[in-house]
Amino acid sequence: MKYRVRIKELAEQNGLTLYRLSKQSGLLPSTVYAIGKGQTSPGLDTLAKLHAALEALLGREVGVEELIEVVRE
């Protein structure tokens, strides 16, 4: 099963930058940009950091279904 992490869309919809998300998550900006462009898929630890950072920045719970989209092949 393939999946896509929707951090770019979530960030744009909420007036955030991927750079700010990288700083909040503690991840390298290059990593966050690569995930945002779909060039790489994050492991569970990276996904957990992104999820926590989004929740902190947005001030609300972010559902997994908002963050991850299953890609049908």
C-alpha atoms as a PDB file:
ATOM      1  CA  MET A   1       0.000   0.000   0.000  1.00  0.00           C
ATOM      2  CA  LYS A   2       1.287   3.445  -0.881  1.00  0.00           C
ATOM      3  CA  TYR A   3       0.440   6.592   1.004  1.00  0.00           C
ATOM      4  CA  ARG A   4       1.015  10.296   0.674  1.00  0.00           C
ATOM      5  CA  VAL A   5       1.547  12.674   3.563  1.00  0.00           C
ATOM      6  CA  ARG A   6      -0.489  15.842   3.076  1.00  0.00           C
ATOM      7  CA  ILE A   7       1.722  18.290   5.012  1.00  0.00           C
ATOM      8  CA  LYS A   8       2.033  20.750   2.144  1.00  0.00           C
ATOM      9  CA  GLU A   9      -1.736  21.021   1.702  1.00  0.00           C
ATOM     10  CA  LEU A  10      -2.382  21.267   5.443  1.00  0.00           C
ATOM     11  CA  ALA A  11       0.275  23.938   5.839  1.00  0.00           C
ATOM     12  CA  GLU A  12      -1.032  26.017   2.923  1.00  0.00           C
ATOM     13  CA  GLN A  13      -4.668  25.727   4.046  1.00  0.00           C
ATOM     14  CA  ASN A  14      -3.715  27.051   7.466  1.00  0.00           C
ATOM     15  CA  GLY A  15      -1.251  29.776   6.491  1.00  0.00           C
ATOM     16  CA  LEU A  16       1.861  27.881   7.578  1.00  0.00           C
ATOM     17  CA  THR A  17       5.129  27.368   5.778  1.00  0.00           C
ATOM     18  CA  LEU A  18       6.976  24.097   5.510  1.00  0.00           C
ATOM     19  CA  TYR A  19       9.976  25.887   6.996  1.00  0.00           C
ATOM     20  CA  ARG A  20       7.995  26.768  10.128  1.00  0.00           C
ATOM     21  CA  LEU A  21       6.743  23.197  10.314  1.00  0.00           C
ATOM     22  CA  SER A  22      10.322  21.940  10.090  1.00  0.00           C
ATOM     23  CA  LYS A  23      11.427  24.196  12.954  1.00  0.00           C
ATOM     24  CA  GLN A  24       8.473  23.168  15.152  1.00  0.00           C
ATOM     25  CA  SER A  25       9.040  19.466  14.428  1.00  0.00           C
ATOM     26  CA  GLY A  26      12.823  19.549  14.843  1.00  0.00           C
ATOM     27  CA  LEU A  27      13.316  18.048  11.388  1.00  0.00           C
ATOM     28  CA  LEU A  28      15.634  19.388   8.729  1.00  0.00           C
ATOM     29  CA  PRO A  29      13.901  21.728   6.280  1.00  0.00           C
ATOM     30  CA  SER A  30      15.158  19.600   3.373  1.00  0.00           C
ATOM     31  CA  THR A  31      13.421  16.561   4.871  1.00  0.00           C
ATOM     32  CA  VAL A  32      10.112  18.376   5.311  1.00  0.00           C
ATOM     33  CA  TYR A  33      10.286  19.849   1.799  1.00  0.00           C
ATOM     34  CA  ALA A  34      11.014  16.412   0.294  1.00  0.00           C
ATOM     35  CA  ILE A  35       8.033  14.919   2.128  1.00  0.00           C
ATOM     36  CA  GLY A  36       5.849  17.859   1.075  1.00  0.00           C
ATOM     37  CA  LYS A  37       6.795  17.322  -2.570  1.00  0.00           C
ATOM     38  CA  GLY A  38       6.152  13.583  -2.345  1.00  0.00           C
ATOM     39  CA  GLN A  39       9.793  12.758  -3.045  1.00  0.00           C
ATOM     40  CA  THR A  40      10.066  10.594   0.070  1.00  0.00           C
ATOM     41  CA  SER A  41       7.784   8.889   2.555  1.00  0.00           C
ATOM     42  CA  PRO A  42       8.530   9.407   6.234  1.00  0.00           C
ATOM     43  CA  GLY A  43       9.046   6.662   8.776  1.00  0.00           C
ATOM     44  CA  LEU A  44       6.787   6.452  11.815  1.00  0.00           C
ATOM     45  CA  ASP A  45       9.054   8.553  14.033  1.00  0.00           C
ATOM     46  CA  THR A  46       9.210  11.364  11.471  1.00  0.00           C
ATOM     47  CA  LEU A  47       5.471  11.149  10.881  1.00  0.00           C
ATOM     48  CA  ALA A  48       4.861  11.404  14.635  1.00  0.00           C
ATOM     49  CA  LYS A  49       7.041  14.552  14.829  1.00  0.00           C
ATOM     50  CA  LEU A  50       5.172  16.158  11.934  1.00  0.00           C
ATOM     51  CA  HIS A  51       1.824  15.256  13.463  1.00  0.00           C
ATOM     52  CA  ALA A  52       2.756  16.736  16.854  1.00  0.00           C
ATOM     53  CA  ALA A  53       4.120  19.898  15.221  1.00  0.00           C
ATOM     54  CA  LEU A  54       0.952  20.401  13.171  1.00  0.00           C
ATOM     55  CA  GLU A  55      -1.227  19.994  16.247  1.00  0.00           C
ATOM     56  CA  ALA A  56       0.895  22.489  18.197  1.00  0.00           C
ATOM     57  CA  LEU A  57       0.924  25.055  15.385  1.00  0.00           C
ATOM     58  CA  LEU A  58      -2.770  24.709  14.561  1.00  0.00           C
ATOM     59  CA  GLY A  59      -3.912  24.544  18.177  1.00  0.00           C
ATOM     60  CA  ARG A  60      -6.218  21.612  17.474  1.00  0.00           C
ATOM     61  CA  GLU A  61      -6.208  17.878  16.990  1.00  0.00           C
ATOM     62  CA  VAL A  62      -5.178  16.726  13.538  1.00  0.00           C
ATOM     63  CA  GLY A  63      -6.733  13.433  12.532  1.00  0.00           C
ATOM     64  CA  VAL A  64      -4.606  10.812  10.838  1.00  0.00           C
ATOM     65  CA  GLU A  65      -7.076  10.839   7.937  1.00  0.00           C
ATOM     66  CA  GLU A  66      -6.265  14.547   7.433  1.00  0.00           C
ATOM     67  CA  LEU A  67      -2.547  13.860   7.399  1.00  0.00           C
ATOM     68  CA  ILE A  68      -2.289  10.671   5.345  1.00  0.00           C
ATOM     69  CA  GLU A  69      -3.918   9.842   2.029  1.00  0.00           C
ATOM     70  CA  VAL A  70      -3.842   6.273   0.747  1.00  0.00           C
ATOM     71  CA  VAL A  71      -2.824   6.197  -2.907  1.00  0.00           C
ATOM     72  CA  ARG A  72      -4.514   3.567  -5.021  1.00  0.00           C
ATOM     73  CA  GLU A  73      -2.328   2.003  -7.666  1.00  0.00           C
END
